[in-house]
Amino acid sequence: MRKKISIIAVFVFSTFVVEAQEIQARLTVMAAQVSTTVDKKVFQTLQTALTNFVNTRRWTSDAFKANEKIKCNFLLNIEQDKGNNVYKGRLTVQAARPIYNTNYDSPIINFIDDNVVFRYVEFQPVEFNENRIQGNDPLVANITAILAYYINLILGFDYDSFSQNSGNVYFQKAWNIVNNAPENGEISGWKSFESLRNRYWLAENLNSNRFALIHNALYAYYRSGLDVFYENEEAGRTGILNCLNFLNTINAENPNSMIMQFFFQGKSNELVKVFSKAKADQKERARDILTRIDITNAAAYNRELK
């Protein structure tokens, strides 16, 4: 079994970790903004329940050794008590991948989901049935559906980075969760008409033939790029430039797509370091593409890759 990913950053919060199957997650629940009339003990119980759910469930059919378990961080920041045991907040998802022959972990997912609403009664079972995602109470089912969705994305990105297109089964699982997601007037993030930047569009992009090159890009960036960079910087830069060419094609054919924004979150500093010592023509090509397809960080690329 291939090497597995490690987290790029550690939250400076109280966390709880248990023995894992494929996933070894640090899941933190914060509720500093919630009224003091709520017994805060319920959030510690929720943290324990969700950590157990993520870490003890079997998510793949592959055998993982202890050192191959995928490490990731989930931070559930509860911002509002809506009454009747219903809470609203945001979920930060972070995961990274170890780069061969180094102690460096490259970010593979770094995303904040602002559309998290769920119901939780202390000590209620935390369950997920991929064949019946809606459950008896959609608000109860929503939190585990969201976590299962992101775990499958983490698996998909991780597998794709080691073997081209091998993450497809997990991207399809995430898409199935979208198509069967809990429905309730307070729940959002699962429907195409709600936003151009939500769980629907991310999973749609990853499963659409229009974005098939994203899988080539993932493999080129990690396996043909960063993994060989230590031994051969020129070959590593070539691999990453191939990745940028794939992404440039995607962007030209599908401008302003969610997958492009998702891919680049957390990567700008890494890309600057990769190309800062490149040959002039290669640096210029990288800068030209990056300023076009990662507009958020265009100023940094123009400044650092002169």
Foldseek 3Di string as FASTA:
>chain_A
DDAAWAFQDDDPDDWDWDAAFQATETEEEAEPQEDPVDDCVLRVLVRVQVNCVHGYDDLDPDHADRRRRFYWYKYWYWNYDPDPQKTAAKIWIWIWGDAAPDPHTHTAFTDMARFQMAGDDRPDHQDADLVQQQPPDLRHSQVVLVVLLVVLVSQLLRVLQAPQPPSVVSLVSSQSSLVNHHDDPSGDQSDVVPDQAGSPQQSCLSNDPLNSLQSVLSNLQGVQARNCCVVPLVRNLVSNLVSLVSLLVSCVSPPPHNNLVRRCVPCPVVLLVSLLPPPLVSLVSSLVSCCVRVVVCNVVSVVRSD
